[in-house]
Amino acid sequence: MDLEHEFTFTARIKEPVAVGAGPFGDRSIFEIVGGDVTGDRIGGKVSAGGGDWALLGDDGFARLDARMTVDTDDGAHIYVEFRGLLELNEAAGAAMAGEREIDYTDLYARIAPRLETGDARYAWVNRTLFVGEGRIVPGPAVEYRVSRVA
């Protein structure tokens, strides 16, 4: 099994809404307010209106539950949802506070995105498995390098 880089996306996020501790954990909601997608086969913008309904665990990890829409440069719309894990370490805190930029190796941030569209030009995304690794960048924003499983 091989991984082939497909695209990178950046999603700008607003300050979280802290829902607080509930029956499933300490939930915070991060609204996505825009972003960019760059890749050889997919390029475009991340639409405003998406979000991540993250559960913050006592183990130092956030369980991600995100949804967003990509508006491609050629007019297609691709729905993206992903689950994942984001390590809430010192580097992540510093990046969220805008103190410094971090690299992909500074924290464990992994996602399993699922893409879907009705646009025939991108039908291949409906039958492709993807994985990604991420980091937090100034903005605040998250950036993920997404690969398809070949």
N, C-alpha and C. Protein backbone atom coordinates (compact mmCIF):
# COMPACT_ATOMS: atom_id res chain seq x y z
N MET A 1 0.85 -1.17 0.00
CA MET A 1 0.00 0.00 0.00
C MET A 1 0.90 1.24 0.00
N ASP A 2 0.57 2.19 -0.86
CA ASP A 2 1.34 3.42 -0.97
C ASP A 2 0.45 4.62 -0.68
N LEU A 3 1.08 5.70 -0.24
CA LEU A 3 0.40 6.98 -0.05
C LEU A 3 0.92 7.96 -1.08
N GLU A 4 0.00 8.65 -1.75
CA GLU A 4 0.38 9.65 -2.74
C GLU A 4 -0.27 10.97 -2.37
N HIS A 5 0.57 12.02 -2.22
CA HIS A 5 0.04 13.33 -1.83
C HIS A 5 -0.99 13.78 -2.87
N GLU A 6 -2.15 14.20 -2.39
CA GLU A 6 -3.22 14.65 -3.28
C GLU A 6 -3.43 16.16 -3.18
N PHE A 7 -3.53 16.70 -1.97
CA PHE A 7 -3.71 18.14 -1.81
C PHE A 7 -3.37 18.55 -0.38
N THR A 8 -3.19 19.83 -0.20
CA THR A 8 -3.00 20.43 1.12
C THR A 8 -4.11 21.44 1.30
N PHE A 9 -4.70 21.46 2.50
CA PHE A 9 -5.69 22.49 2.75
C PHE A 9 -5.41 23.20 4.06
N THR A 10 -5.75 24.47 4.06
CA THR A 10 -5.69 25.30 5.26
C THR A 10 -7.10 25.78 5.55
N ALA A 11 -7.52 25.62 6.79
CA ALA A 11 -8.85 26.07 7.22
C ALA A 11 -8.66 27.08 8.34
N ARG A 12 -9.08 28.32 8.08
CA ARG A 12 -9.03 29.35 9.11
C ARG A 12 -10.20 29.13 10.07
N ILE A 13 -9.93 29.28 11.36
CA ILE A 13 -10.94 29.02 12.37
C ILE A 13 -11.11 30.22 13.29
N LYS A 14 -12.33 30.36 13.81
CA LYS A 14 -12.62 31.38 14.81
C LYS A 14 -12.25 30.86 16.19
N GLU A 15 -12.23 31.76 17.15
CA GLU A 15 -12.03 31.35 18.54
C GLU A 15 -13.11 30.33 18.88
N PRO A 16 -12.77 29.29 19.64
CA PRO A 16 -13.74 28.24 19.90
C PRO A 16 -14.89 28.68 20.80
N VAL A 17 -16.01 28.05 20.59
CA VAL A 17 -17.13 28.15 21.51
C VAL A 17 -17.00 26.97 22.46
N ALA A 18 -16.80 27.26 23.74
CA ALA A 18 -16.62 26.20 24.73
C ALA A 18 -17.99 25.76 25.23
N VAL A 19 -18.44 24.60 24.76
CA VAL A 19 -19.70 24.03 25.21
C VAL A 19 -19.54 23.54 26.64
N GLY A 20 -18.37 22.99 26.95
CA GLY A 20 -18.06 22.51 28.29
C GLY A 20 -18.17 21.01 28.42
N ALA A 21 -18.00 20.57 29.66
CA ALA A 21 -18.00 19.14 29.95
C ALA A 21 -19.42 18.60 29.88
N GLY A 22 -19.59 17.58 29.08
CA GLY A 22 -20.88 16.91 28.93
C GLY A 22 -20.70 15.42 29.08
N PRO A 23 -21.71 14.67 28.70
CA PRO A 23 -21.64 13.22 28.90
C PRO A 23 -20.58 12.51 28.06
N PHE A 24 -20.09 13.15 26.99
CA PHE A 24 -19.11 12.51 26.12
C PHE A 24 -17.73 13.13 26.22
N GLY A 25 -17.58 14.20 27.01
CA GLY A 25 -16.31 14.88 27.16
C GLY A 25 -16.48 16.38 27.14
N ASP A 26 -15.37 17.07 27.12
CA ASP A 26 -15.35 18.53 27.12
C ASP A 26 -15.35 19.01 25.67
N ARG A 27 -16.49 19.51 25.21
CA ARG A 27 -16.65 19.84 23.80
C ARG A 27 -16.40 21.32 23.53
N SER A 28 -15.67 21.59 22.44
CA SER A 28 -15.48 22.94 21.91
C SER A 28 -15.81 22.91 20.43
N ILE A 29 -16.41 24.00 19.94
CA ILE A 29 -16.77 24.09 18.53
C ILE A 29 -15.92 25.16 17.88
N PHE A 30 -15.21 24.77 16.82
CA PHE A 30 -14.36 25.68 16.07
C PHE A 30 -15.01 25.93 14.71
N GLU A 31 -15.50 27.14 14.49
CA GLU A 31 -16.13 27.47 13.21
C GLU A 31 -15.06 27.72 12.15
N ILE A 32 -15.24 27.13 10.99
CA ILE A 32 -14.34 27.36 9.86
C ILE A 32 -14.85 28.57 9.08
N VAL A 33 -13.97 29.55 8.86
CA VAL A 33 -14.38 30.79 8.21
C VAL A 33 -13.75 30.98 6.83
N GLY A 34 -13.07 29.96 6.32
CA GLY A 34 -12.48 30.04 4.99
C GLY A 34 -11.17 29.29 4.94
N GLY A 35 -10.54 29.31 3.78
CA GLY A 35 -9.26 28.65 3.63
C GLY A 35 -8.95 28.36 2.18
N ASP A 36 -7.87 27.65 1.97
CA ASP A 36 -7.38 27.35 0.62
C ASP A 36 -7.07 25.87 0.48
N VAL A 37 -7.18 25.39 -0.76
CA VAL A 37 -6.85 24.01 -1.11
C VAL A 37 -5.91 24.06 -2.31
N THR A 38 -4.78 23.38 -2.21
CA THR A 38 -3.84 23.35 -3.33
C THR A 38 -3.42 21.91 -3.61
N GLY A 39 -3.47 21.55 -4.86
CA GLY A 39 -3.06 20.22 -5.29
C GLY A 39 -3.10 20.15 -6.81
N ASP A 40 -2.50 19.11 -7.36
CA ASP A 40 -2.47 18.97 -8.81
C ASP A 40 -3.85 18.70 -9.39
N ARG A 41 -4.69 17.96 -8.66
CA ARG A 41 -6.02 17.63 -9.19
C ARG A 41 -7.16 18.36 -8.49
N ILE A 42 -6.91 18.88 -7.30
CA ILE A 42 -7.93 19.63 -6.57
C ILE A 42 -7.31 20.94 -6.09
N GLY A 43 -7.91 22.04 -6.49
CA GLY A 43 -7.50 23.35 -6.02
C GLY A 43 -8.74 24.20 -5.84
N GLY A 44 -8.71 25.09 -4.86
CA GLY A 44 -9.86 25.96 -4.65
C GLY A 44 -9.86 26.59 -3.29
N LYS A 45 -11.06 26.84 -2.79
CA LYS A 45 -11.26 27.53 -1.51
C LYS A 45 -12.07 26.66 -0.57
N VAL A 46 -11.78 26.78 0.70
CA VAL A 46 -12.61 26.19 1.75
C VAL A 46 -13.68 27.23 2.06
N SER A 47 -14.94 26.84 1.96
CA SER A 47 -16.05 27.76 2.21
C SER A 47 -16.18 28.05 3.70
N ALA A 48 -16.70 29.22 4.01
CA ALA A 48 -17.10 29.51 5.39
C ALA A 48 -18.31 28.66 5.72
N GLY A 49 -18.55 28.43 6.98
CA GLY A 49 -19.74 27.70 7.40
C GLY A 49 -19.50 26.29 7.86
N GLY A 50 -18.28 25.80 7.73
CA GLY A 50 -17.97 24.48 8.25
C GLY A 50 -17.55 24.59 9.70
N GLY A 51 -17.16 23.48 10.27
CA GLY A 51 -16.72 23.52 11.65
C GLY A 51 -16.16 22.20 12.13
N ASP A 52 -15.59 22.26 13.32
CA ASP A 52 -15.06 21.09 13.99
C ASP A 52 -15.69 21.04 15.38
N TRP A 53 -16.39 19.95 15.68
CA TRP A 53 -17.04 19.75 16.95
C TRP A 53 -16.14 18.84 17.78
N ALA A 54 -15.08 19.42 18.34
CA ALA A 54 -14.00 18.65 18.97
C ALA A 54 -14.32 18.28 20.41
N LEU A 55 -13.96 17.06 20.78
CA LEU A 55 -14.02 16.61 22.17
C LEU A 55 -12.60 16.63 22.73
N LEU A 56 -12.42 17.36 23.81
CA LEU A 56 -11.11 17.50 24.43
C LEU A 56 -11.00 16.48 25.56
N GLY A 57 -10.04 15.58 25.43
CA GLY A 57 -9.92 14.49 26.40
C GLY A 57 -8.94 14.78 27.51
N ASP A 58 -9.11 14.07 28.62
CA ASP A 58 -8.18 14.17 29.74
C ASP A 58 -6.80 13.62 29.39
N ASP A 59 -6.71 12.90 28.28
CA ASP A 59 -5.44 12.29 27.87
C ASP A 59 -4.56 13.21 27.04
N GLY A 60 -4.97 14.49 26.87
CA GLY A 60 -4.17 15.43 26.12
C GLY A 60 -4.41 15.41 24.62
N PHE A 61 -5.52 14.80 24.19
CA PHE A 61 -5.85 14.74 22.78
C PHE A 61 -7.26 15.27 22.54
N ALA A 62 -7.44 15.92 21.40
CA ALA A 62 -8.77 16.31 20.94
C ALA A 62 -9.21 15.29 19.91
N ARG A 63 -10.45 14.83 20.03
CA ARG A 63 -11.06 13.96 19.02
C ARG A 63 -11.80 14.86 18.05
N LEU A 64 -11.34 14.91 16.82
CA LEU A 64 -11.88 15.83 15.82
C LEU A 64 -13.09 15.24 15.12
N ASP A 65 -14.04 16.10 14.80
CA ASP A 65 -15.26 15.73 14.08
C ASP A 65 -15.61 16.94 13.23
N ALA A 66 -15.03 17.02 12.03
CA ALA A 66 -15.11 18.23 11.21
C ALA A 66 -15.85 18.00 9.90
N ARG A 67 -16.47 19.09 9.43
CA ARG A 67 -17.15 19.09 8.13
C ARG A 67 -16.89 20.43 7.45
N MET A 68 -16.71 20.37 6.13
CA MET A 68 -16.48 21.60 5.38
C MET A 68 -16.78 21.35 3.90
N THR A 69 -16.84 22.43 3.15
CA THR A 69 -17.06 22.34 1.70
C THR A 69 -15.88 22.99 0.99
N VAL A 70 -15.41 22.31 -0.05
CA VAL A 70 -14.38 22.87 -0.93
C VAL A 70 -15.06 23.32 -2.22
N ASP A 71 -14.86 24.58 -2.57
CA ASP A 71 -15.32 25.11 -3.84
C ASP A 71 -14.11 25.13 -4.77
N THR A 72 -14.11 24.23 -5.76
CA THR A 72 -12.93 24.10 -6.61
C THR A 72 -12.80 25.29 -7.56
N ASP A 73 -11.59 25.47 -8.08
CA ASP A 73 -11.32 26.57 -9.01
C ASP A 73 -12.14 26.47 -10.28
N ASP A 74 -12.60 25.25 -10.62
CA ASP A 74 -13.37 25.07 -11.85
C ASP A 74 -14.87 24.90 -11.58
N GLY A 75 -15.33 25.30 -10.39
CA GLY A 75 -16.76 25.38 -10.14
C GLY A 75 -17.44 24.17 -9.52
N ALA A 76 -16.71 23.16 -9.12
CA ALA A 76 -17.32 22.00 -8.45
C ALA A 76 -17.37 22.26 -6.94
N HIS A 77 -18.20 21.48 -6.26
CA HIS A 77 -18.30 21.55 -4.80
C HIS A 77 -18.04 20.15 -4.27
N ILE A 78 -17.13 20.07 -3.30
CA ILE A 78 -16.77 18.79 -2.70
C ILE A 78 -17.00 18.89 -1.20
N TYR A 79 -17.83 17.99 -0.69
CA TYR A 79 -18.09 17.90 0.75
C TYR A 79 -16.96 17.09 1.37
N VAL A 80 -16.42 17.59 2.48
CA VAL A 80 -15.34 16.91 3.19
C VAL A 80 -15.74 16.76 4.65
N GLU A 81 -15.63 15.56 5.15
CA GLU A 81 -15.79 15.37 6.60
C GLU A 81 -14.64 14.50 7.06
N PHE A 82 -14.20 14.76 8.28
CA PHE A 82 -13.12 13.92 8.80
C PHE A 82 -13.19 13.78 10.30
N ARG A 83 -12.69 12.63 10.73
CA ARG A 83 -12.44 12.34 12.13
C ARG A 83 -10.93 12.30 12.28
N GLY A 84 -10.49 12.54 13.49
CA GLY A 84 -9.06 12.48 13.70
C GLY A 84 -8.67 12.74 15.13
N LEU A 85 -7.36 12.79 15.34
CA LEU A 85 -6.76 13.07 16.64
C LEU A 85 -5.80 14.23 16.53
N LEU A 86 -5.85 15.12 17.52
CA LEU A 86 -4.94 16.26 17.58
C LEU A 86 -4.35 16.31 18.98
N GLU A 87 -3.03 16.19 19.06
CA GLU A 87 -2.35 16.24 20.34
C GLU A 87 -2.35 17.66 20.88
N LEU A 88 -2.80 17.84 22.10
CA LEU A 88 -2.86 19.16 22.72
C LEU A 88 -1.62 19.37 23.59
N ASN A 89 -0.47 19.45 22.94
CA ASN A 89 0.78 19.61 23.67
C ASN A 89 1.19 21.09 23.74
N GLU A 90 2.37 21.35 24.26
CA GLU A 90 2.87 22.71 24.40
C GLU A 90 2.99 23.42 23.05
N ALA A 91 3.47 22.71 22.04
CA ALA A 91 3.61 23.30 20.71
C ALA A 91 2.25 23.72 20.15
N ALA A 92 1.23 22.88 20.32
CA ALA A 92 -0.12 23.22 19.85
C ALA A 92 -0.64 24.46 20.55
N GLY A 93 -0.43 24.55 21.86
CA GLY A 93 -0.87 25.72 22.62
C GLY A 93 -0.18 26.99 22.16
N ALA A 94 1.12 26.90 21.92
CA ALA A 94 1.87 28.07 21.45
C ALA A 94 1.40 28.51 20.07
N ALA A 95 1.11 27.55 19.20
CA ALA A 95 0.63 27.89 17.85
C ALA A 95 -0.75 28.53 17.91
N MET A 96 -1.66 27.97 18.73
CA MET A 96 -3.01 28.53 18.86
C MET A 96 -2.96 29.95 19.44
N ALA A 97 -1.99 30.21 20.30
CA ALA A 97 -1.84 31.54 20.90
C ALA A 97 -1.14 32.51 19.96
N GLY A 98 -0.68 32.03 18.79
CA GLY A 98 0.01 32.88 17.84
C GLY A 98 1.45 33.19 18.22
N GLU A 99 2.01 32.42 19.15
CA GLU A 99 3.36 32.67 19.63
C GLU A 99 4.43 32.20 18.65
N ARG A 100 4.13 31.12 17.91
CA ARG A 100 5.12 30.62 16.95
C ARG A 100 4.46 29.65 15.99
N GLU A 101 5.14 29.46 14.86
CA GLU A 101 4.69 28.47 13.89
C GLU A 101 5.31 27.13 14.26
N ILE A 102 4.57 26.08 14.04
CA ILE A 102 5.09 24.74 14.34
C ILE A 102 5.11 23.90 13.08
N ASP A 103 5.84 22.81 13.14
CA ASP A 103 5.97 21.89 12.02
C ASP A 103 5.06 20.68 12.24
N TYR A 104 4.90 19.89 11.20
CA TYR A 104 4.09 18.68 11.28
C TYR A 104 4.63 17.70 12.32
N THR A 105 5.90 17.74 12.60
CA THR A 105 6.51 16.79 13.54
C THR A 105 6.40 17.25 14.99
N ASP A 106 5.88 18.46 15.24
CA ASP A 106 5.81 18.99 16.60
C ASP A 106 4.61 18.46 17.40
N LEU A 107 3.70 17.81 16.74
CA LEU A 107 2.54 17.24 17.42
C LEU A 107 1.96 16.12 16.58
N TYR A 108 1.15 15.30 17.22
CA TYR A 108 0.46 14.22 16.51
C TYR A 108 -0.90 14.77 16.09
N ALA A 109 -1.08 14.95 14.80
CA ALA A 109 -2.36 15.43 14.25
C ALA A 109 -2.63 14.63 12.99
N ARG A 110 -3.58 13.70 13.08
CA ARG A 110 -3.88 12.81 11.97
C ARG A 110 -5.39 12.79 11.73
N ILE A 111 -5.76 12.74 10.45
CA ILE A 111 -7.18 12.70 10.08
C ILE A 111 -7.43 11.62 9.04
N ALA A 112 -8.69 11.22 8.96
CA ALA A 112 -9.15 10.27 7.95
C ALA A 112 -10.32 10.94 7.21
N PRO A 113 -10.03 11.78 6.21
CA PRO A 113 -11.11 12.50 5.53
C PRO A 113 -11.87 11.63 4.52
N ARG A 114 -13.16 11.94 4.42
CA ARG A 114 -14.02 11.32 3.41
C ARG A 114 -14.54 12.45 2.54
N LEU A 115 -14.38 12.31 1.23
CA LEU A 115 -14.82 13.33 0.28
C LEU A 115 -15.97 12.78 -0.54
N GLU A 116 -16.90 13.68 -0.90
CA GLU A 116 -17.98 13.27 -1.79
C GLU A 116 -18.43 14.45 -2.64
N THR A 117 -18.86 14.11 -3.85
CA THR A 117 -19.35 15.11 -4.78
C THR A 117 -20.27 14.45 -5.80
N GLY A 118 -21.12 15.25 -6.41
CA GLY A 118 -21.94 14.79 -7.52
C GLY A 118 -21.39 15.25 -8.85
N ASP A 119 -20.28 15.98 -8.84
CA ASP A 119 -19.66 16.48 -10.06
C ASP A 119 -18.84 15.36 -10.72
N ALA A 120 -19.19 15.02 -11.96
CA ALA A 120 -18.55 13.89 -12.66
C ALA A 120 -17.04 14.06 -12.80
N ARG A 121 -16.56 15.30 -12.87
CA ARG A 121 -15.11 15.54 -13.01
C ARG A 121 -14.33 15.07 -11.80
N TYR A 122 -15.00 15.01 -10.66
CA TYR A 122 -14.33 14.62 -9.42
C TYR A 122 -14.92 13.34 -8.83
N ALA A 123 -15.60 12.56 -9.63
CA ALA A 123 -16.23 11.32 -9.14
C ALA A 123 -15.22 10.39 -8.48
N TRP A 124 -13.97 10.47 -8.87
CA TRP A 124 -12.94 9.61 -8.29
C TRP A 124 -12.80 9.80 -6.79
N VAL A 125 -13.15 10.99 -6.23
CA VAL A 125 -13.01 11.19 -4.78
C VAL A 125 -14.01 10.35 -4.01
N ASN A 126 -15.14 10.00 -4.65
CA ASN A 126 -16.18 9.21 -3.99
C ASN A 126 -15.74 7.78 -3.71
N ARG A 127 -14.71 7.33 -4.38
CA ARG A 127 -14.25 5.95 -4.24
C ARG A 127 -12.76 5.87 -3.91
N THR A 128 -12.29 6.88 -3.17
CA THR A 128 -10.88 6.94 -2.79
C THR A 128 -10.76 7.11 -1.28
N LEU A 129 -9.83 6.39 -0.67
CA LEU A 129 -9.53 6.57 0.75
C LEU A 129 -8.41 7.58 0.90
N PHE A 130 -8.56 8.46 1.90
CA PHE A 130 -7.59 9.51 2.16
C PHE A 130 -7.15 9.47 3.62
N VAL A 131 -5.94 9.92 3.87
CA VAL A 131 -5.42 10.14 5.22
C VAL A 131 -4.65 11.45 5.20
N GLY A 132 -4.52 12.07 6.36
CA GLY A 132 -3.80 13.34 6.39
C GLY A 132 -3.06 13.54 7.69
N GLU A 133 -2.05 14.41 7.63
CA GLU A 133 -1.32 14.84 8.81
C GLU A 133 -1.40 16.35 8.89
N GLY A 134 -1.46 16.87 10.12
CA GLY A 134 -1.72 18.28 10.26
C GLY A 134 -0.81 19.01 11.21
N ARG A 135 -1.05 20.32 11.22
CA ARG A 135 -0.37 21.22 12.14
C ARG A 135 -1.24 22.46 12.32
N ILE A 136 -0.94 23.23 13.32
CA ILE A 136 -1.63 24.49 13.57
C ILE A 136 -0.74 25.61 13.05
N VAL A 137 -1.33 26.56 12.35
CA VAL A 137 -0.57 27.68 11.79
C VAL A 137 -1.19 28.99 12.27
N PRO A 138 -0.42 30.09 12.22
CA PRO A 138 -0.96 31.38 12.66
C PRO A 138 -2.23 31.73 11.90
N GLY A 139 -3.12 32.39 12.59
CA GLY A 139 -4.38 32.76 11.95
C GLY A 139 -5.51 32.96 12.94
N PRO A 140 -5.89 32.08 13.80
CA PRO A 140 -5.44 30.68 13.84
C PRO A 140 -6.05 29.87 12.71
N ALA A 141 -5.32 28.84 12.33
CA ALA A 141 -5.77 27.96 11.26
C ALA A 141 -5.15 26.58 11.47
N VAL A 142 -5.71 25.61 10.79
CA VAL A 142 -5.12 24.28 10.74
C VAL A 142 -4.75 24.00 9.29
N GLU A 143 -3.66 23.27 9.12
CA GLU A 143 -3.21 22.90 7.78
C GLU A 143 -2.99 21.40 7.76
N TYR A 144 -3.53 20.76 6.72
CA TYR A 144 -3.40 19.31 6.58
C TYR A 144 -2.86 18.97 5.21
N ARG A 145 -1.87 18.07 5.19
CA ARG A 145 -1.39 17.46 3.95
C ARG A 145 -2.16 16.15 3.81
N VAL A 146 -2.92 16.03 2.73
CA VAL A 146 -3.80 14.88 2.53
C VAL A 146 -3.25 14.01 1.41
N SER A 147 -3.18 12.71 1.69
CA SER A 147 -2.72 11.74 0.70
C SER A 147 -3.82 10.74 0.43
N ARG A 148 -3.82 10.21 -0.79
CA ARG A 148 -4.75 9.12 -1.09
C ARG A 148 -4.02 7.82 -0.90
N VAL A 149 -4.76 6.82 -0.47
CA VAL A 149 -4.20 5.49 -0.29
C VAL A 149 -4.27 4.82 -1.65
N ALA A 150 -3.09 4.51 -2.21
CA ALA A 150 -3.02 3.93 -3.56
C ALA A 150 -2.95 2.43 -3.49
